[in-house]
Protein backbone atom coordinates (compact mmCIF):
# COMPACT_ATOMS: atom_id res chain seq x y z
CA MET A 1 1.39 78.50 -13.51
CA LEU A 2 1.24 77.27 -17.11
CA SER A 3 -0.90 80.25 -18.10
CA GLU A 4 1.61 82.54 -16.52
CA SER A 5 4.52 80.81 -18.33
CA LYS A 6 5.93 79.48 -15.07
CA PHE A 7 6.14 75.85 -16.21
CA SER A 8 9.93 75.74 -15.88
CA LYS A 9 9.72 76.89 -12.25
CA TYR A 10 7.09 74.23 -11.52
CA LEU A 11 9.23 71.55 -13.15
CA LEU A 12 12.26 72.55 -11.09
CA TYR A 13 10.16 72.47 -7.91
CA ALA A 14 8.82 68.99 -8.74
CA ILE A 15 12.31 67.68 -9.52
CA GLY A 16 13.57 69.16 -6.27
CA GLU A 17 10.85 67.38 -4.33
CA ILE A 18 11.68 64.08 -6.02
CA VAL A 19 15.38 64.53 -5.32
CA LEU A 20 14.68 65.24 -1.64
CA VAL A 21 12.54 62.09 -1.37
CA VAL A 22 15.19 59.96 -3.09
CA VAL A 23 17.96 61.42 -0.94
CA GLY A 24 15.88 60.74 2.16
CA ILE A 25 15.32 57.14 1.11
CA LEU A 26 19.02 56.65 0.35
CA ILE A 27 20.02 58.11 3.70
CA ALA A 28 17.55 55.85 5.49
CA LEU A 29 18.85 52.82 3.59
CA GLN A 30 22.44 53.80 4.38
CA ILE A 31 21.63 54.17 8.07
CA ASN A 32 19.85 50.82 8.03
CA THR A 33 22.82 49.20 6.25
CA LEU A 34 25.27 50.70 8.76
CA ASN A 35 23.16 49.44 11.65
CA GLN A 36 22.91 45.97 10.10
CA ASN A 37 26.66 45.94 9.47
CA ARG A 38 27.29 46.81 13.12
CA ILE A 39 24.97 44.01 14.21
CA ASP A 40 26.62 41.53 11.81
CA LEU A 41 30.08 42.60 12.99
CA LYS A 42 29.07 42.05 16.61
CA ILE A 43 27.68 38.62 15.74
CA GLU A 44 30.84 37.74 13.78
CA ARG A 45 33.06 38.72 16.72
CA GLN A 46 30.97 36.61 19.09
CA LEU A 47 31.01 33.58 16.79
CA LEU A 48 34.76 33.87 16.20
CA SER A 49 35.36 34.15 19.95
CA GLU A 50 33.32 30.99 20.52
CA LEU A 51 35.14 29.29 17.64
CA LEU A 52 38.47 30.17 19.24
CA GLU A 53 37.30 28.53 22.48
CA ASN A 54 36.38 25.37 20.52
CA LEU A 55 39.78 25.38 18.84
CA ASP A 56 41.50 25.68 22.23
CA VAL A 57 39.56 22.65 23.45
CA ASN A 58 40.38 20.70 20.29
CA GLU A 59 44.06 21.55 20.58
CA ARG A 60 44.20 20.20 24.13
CA ARG A 61 42.24 17.07 23.23
CA LEU A 62 44.37 16.36 20.17
CA ARG A 63 47.63 16.83 22.07
CA LYS A 64 46.42 14.53 24.85
CA SER A 65 45.16 11.92 22.41
CA ILE A 66 48.44 11.95 20.46
CA GLU A 67 50.33 11.38 23.72
CA GLU A 68 48.04 8.44 24.53
CA GLU A 69 48.53 6.94 21.06
CA TYR A 70 52.30 7.01 21.46
CA ARG A 71 52.14 5.61 25.00
CA THR A 72 50.03 2.71 23.79
CA GLY A 73 52.34 2.27 20.82
CA ARG A 74 55.34 1.99 23.14
CA SER A 75 53.55 -0.57 25.30
CA ILE A 76 52.73 -2.60 22.20
CA GLN A 77 56.38 -2.48 21.10
CA TYR A 78 57.32 -3.76 24.56
CA VAL A 79 54.77 -6.58 24.36
CA VAL A 80 55.98 -7.62 20.89
CA ASP A 81 59.60 -7.69 22.13
CA VAL A 82 58.57 -9.81 25.15
CA LEU A 83 56.65 -12.34 23.07
CA GLU A 84 59.02 -12.63 20.14
CA ASN A 85 62.03 -13.06 22.44
CA LYS A 86 60.13 -15.49 24.71
CA ARG A 87 61.01 -13.51 27.84
CA ALA A 88 59.98 -14.89 31.24
CA HIS A 89 56.83 -13.36 32.64
CA ASN A 90 56.95 -10.83 35.46
CA ASP A 91 54.24 -8.67 37.02
CA SER A 92 55.50 -5.42 35.44
CA MET A 93 54.44 -6.80 32.05
CA ASN A 94 50.77 -6.85 33.06
CA PHE A 95 50.40 -3.09 32.74
CA HIS A 96 51.71 -3.18 29.16
CA PHE A 97 49.50 -6.14 28.25
CA GLY A 98 46.51 -4.11 29.43
CA ARG A 99 47.74 -0.88 27.87
CA ALA A 100 48.18 -2.62 24.50
CA ASP A 101 44.38 -2.95 24.34
CA PHE A 102 43.85 0.78 24.90
CA THR A 103 42.50 3.09 22.19
CA SER A 104 42.48 6.87 22.51
CA ASP A 105 39.21 8.26 21.17
CA ILE A 106 38.86 11.88 20.12
CA ILE A 107 35.79 14.09 20.51
CA ILE A 108 35.83 17.32 18.49
CA ALA A 109 34.26 20.49 19.92
CA LYS A 110 32.32 22.19 17.14
CA THR A 111 29.35 24.04 18.66
CA ALA A 112 30.59 27.38 17.28
CA PHE A 113 31.04 25.90 13.81
CA GLU A 114 27.48 24.60 13.87
CA ALA A 115 26.27 28.06 14.96
CA ILE A 116 28.13 29.66 12.05
CA LYS A 117 26.76 27.04 9.67
CA SER A 118 23.22 27.61 10.93
CA ARG A 119 23.45 31.40 10.52
CA GLY A 120 25.20 31.17 7.15
CA PHE A 121 28.92 31.09 6.39
CA GLN A 122 28.71 34.58 4.83
CA ILE A 123 28.65 35.99 8.36
CA ILE A 124 32.44 35.46 8.23
CA THR A 125 33.49 38.37 6.05
CA LYS A 126 37.04 37.30 5.19
CA ASN A 127 37.02 34.74 2.38
CA THR A 128 40.28 32.99 3.33
CA LEU A 129 39.18 32.63 6.95
CA ARG A 130 35.76 31.32 5.96
CA LYS A 131 37.33 28.70 3.67
CA ALA A 132 39.83 27.66 6.37
CA ILE A 133 37.03 27.16 8.92
CA ILE A 134 35.01 25.00 6.52
CA ASP A 135 38.09 23.01 5.51
CA LEU A 136 39.04 22.18 9.10
CA PHE A 137 35.61 21.32 10.49
CA ASP A 138 33.88 19.89 7.43
CA SER A 139 36.89 18.12 5.93
CA GLU A 140 39.88 17.56 8.20
CA TYR A 141 37.98 16.75 11.39
CA THR A 142 35.41 14.64 9.51
CA VAL A 143 38.15 12.54 7.90
CA LEU A 144 39.93 12.22 11.24
CA ILE A 145 36.86 10.83 13.01
CA ALA A 146 35.94 8.54 10.10
CA GLN A 147 39.46 7.13 9.84
CA THR A 148 39.77 6.69 13.61
CA VAL A 149 36.48 4.79 13.71
CA ARG A 150 37.46 2.71 10.66
CA LEU A 151 40.78 1.69 12.19
CA GLU A 152 39.10 0.35 15.31
CA ASP A 153 35.58 -0.71 14.38
CA GLN A 154 36.69 -3.06 11.61
CA PHE A 155 39.44 -4.68 13.65
CA TRP A 156 38.96 -4.45 17.40
CA PRO A 157 35.66 -6.39 17.88
CA THR A 158 36.45 -9.17 15.38
CA ALA A 159 40.22 -9.68 15.69
CA SER A 160 41.56 -7.95 18.79
CA LEU A 161 38.93 -8.49 21.47
CA PRO A 162 38.46 -12.28 21.02
CA LEU A 163 42.22 -12.91 21.26
CA PHE A 164 42.50 -10.57 24.24
CA HIS A 165 39.73 -12.40 26.09
CA LYS A 166 41.28 -15.71 25.16
CA HIS A 167 44.64 -14.93 26.74
CA PHE A 168 44.08 -12.39 29.55
CA ARG A 169 42.27 -11.85 32.80
CA ILE A 170 41.60 -8.20 33.55
CA VAL A 171 42.61 -6.91 36.98
CA ASP A 172 43.41 -3.66 38.77
CA LEU A 173 41.21 -1.10 37.06
CA LYS A 174 42.95 2.27 36.69
CA ALA A 175 41.69 5.84 36.45
CA ARG A 176 39.56 6.61 33.41
CA THR A 177 41.27 8.46 30.58
CA PHE A 178 39.46 9.75 27.50
CA GLU A 179 36.46 7.65 28.49
CA LYS A 180 38.52 4.46 28.43
CA THR A 181 39.50 2.45 31.47
CA LEU A 182 43.14 1.43 31.84
CA TYR A 183 43.75 -1.92 33.49
CA ASP A 184 46.39 -4.54 34.15
CA ALA A 185 45.95 -7.76 32.17
CA VAL A 186 47.36 -11.02 33.53
CA PRO A 187 48.05 -13.85 31.07
CA ILE A 188 45.82 -16.86 31.71
CA ASN A 189 48.37 -19.23 30.21
CA TYR A 190 51.63 -17.40 29.46
CA LYS A 191 53.19 -20.37 27.64
CA ALA A 192 50.21 -20.58 25.29
CA LEU A 193 50.40 -16.83 24.72
CA LEU A 194 54.06 -17.08 23.67
CA GLN A 195 53.12 -19.67 21.05
CA ASP A 196 50.10 -17.85 19.63
CA GLU A 197 51.24 -16.27 16.34
CA ALA A 198 47.74 -14.93 15.70
CA TYR A 199 47.93 -12.80 18.84
CA ILE A 200 51.43 -11.54 17.99
CA ASN A 201 50.34 -10.57 14.47
CA MET A 202 47.22 -8.91 15.82
CA ILE A 203 49.10 -6.81 18.37
CA LYS A 204 51.55 -5.68 15.68
CA HIS A 205 48.59 -4.46 13.64
CA ARG A 206 47.25 -2.57 16.63
CA GLY A 207 50.64 -0.94 17.04
CA SER A 208 50.57 0.27 13.44
CA PHE A 209 47.05 1.62 14.03
CA ARG A 210 48.24 3.60 17.04
CA TYR A 211 50.98 5.33 15.07
CA ALA A 212 48.64 5.89 12.13
CA GLY A 213 46.14 7.44 14.55
CA ALA A 214 48.86 9.70 15.97
CA ASP A 215 49.76 10.85 12.44
CA LEU A 216 46.12 11.64 11.61
CA LYS A 217 45.70 13.60 14.82
CA GLY A 218 49.02 15.37 14.26
CA ALA A 219 47.83 16.62 10.86
CA ALA A 220 44.56 17.82 12.41
CA LEU A 221 46.47 19.53 15.22
CA LYS A 222 48.64 21.40 12.72
CA LYS A 223 45.57 22.76 10.90
CA THR A 224 43.89 23.56 14.23
CA LEU A 225 46.86 25.70 15.30
CA ALA A 226 46.94 27.44 11.90
CA LEU A 227 43.23 28.30 12.12
CA LYS A 228 43.64 29.51 15.71
CA GLU A 229 46.25 31.98 14.50
CA GLN A 230 43.96 33.21 11.71
CA VAL A 231 40.99 33.64 14.06
CA GLU A 232 43.08 35.49 16.65
CA HIS A 233 44.38 37.83 13.95
CA GLU A 234 40.87 38.48 12.63
CA LEU A 235 39.53 39.24 16.12
CA ASN A 236 42.33 41.75 16.63
CA THR A 237 41.49 43.33 13.28
CA LEU A 238 37.71 43.57 13.61
């Protein structure tokens, strides 16, 4: 071809072949990318659906736990009023004495979050949603559990339980709620109980813990509802 002065035609043919190969590779890569994007989108939808289920569970548990915190708080207020005003004992008080020792634990559902974390947070394409998920599960819920444990573990076994055992006999076990057993508590020596300032101070502290716990759970519930709304919107968009 060179001897026949057809070099330019040869060069154009070679370039054409190269262009066809490159175009073929690019098309194959594009198809592969589209397929991978479809797979990732399917996975994202599934993970967000599972996350929404976890958030529904957490909403119910938080609402229930907040109710229990306030119920215990009201019983504690009743007990404090009884003791400080030296009211005569009657059997209806026994429920509140027992209830005053109740603590509402909270267990957070986070299997979907762990699945997202294991796969990589980049599977969630929307930046604001990804940040909100991490903030709720890695920050808000973690603080909630740590603070709830701190409120009880540093106080209940050393200050609350010994005084409770000193003054009460447990009777009439109730139905289990949030893995705690409600019971009536009958004063062993009601006159001694009325005079025990240590017990009165302790039960006031437990009352403050119950309302602090309700506030912590209320803040977590607010963020849970906000994330639920974001996830629902994203699922409708995808």
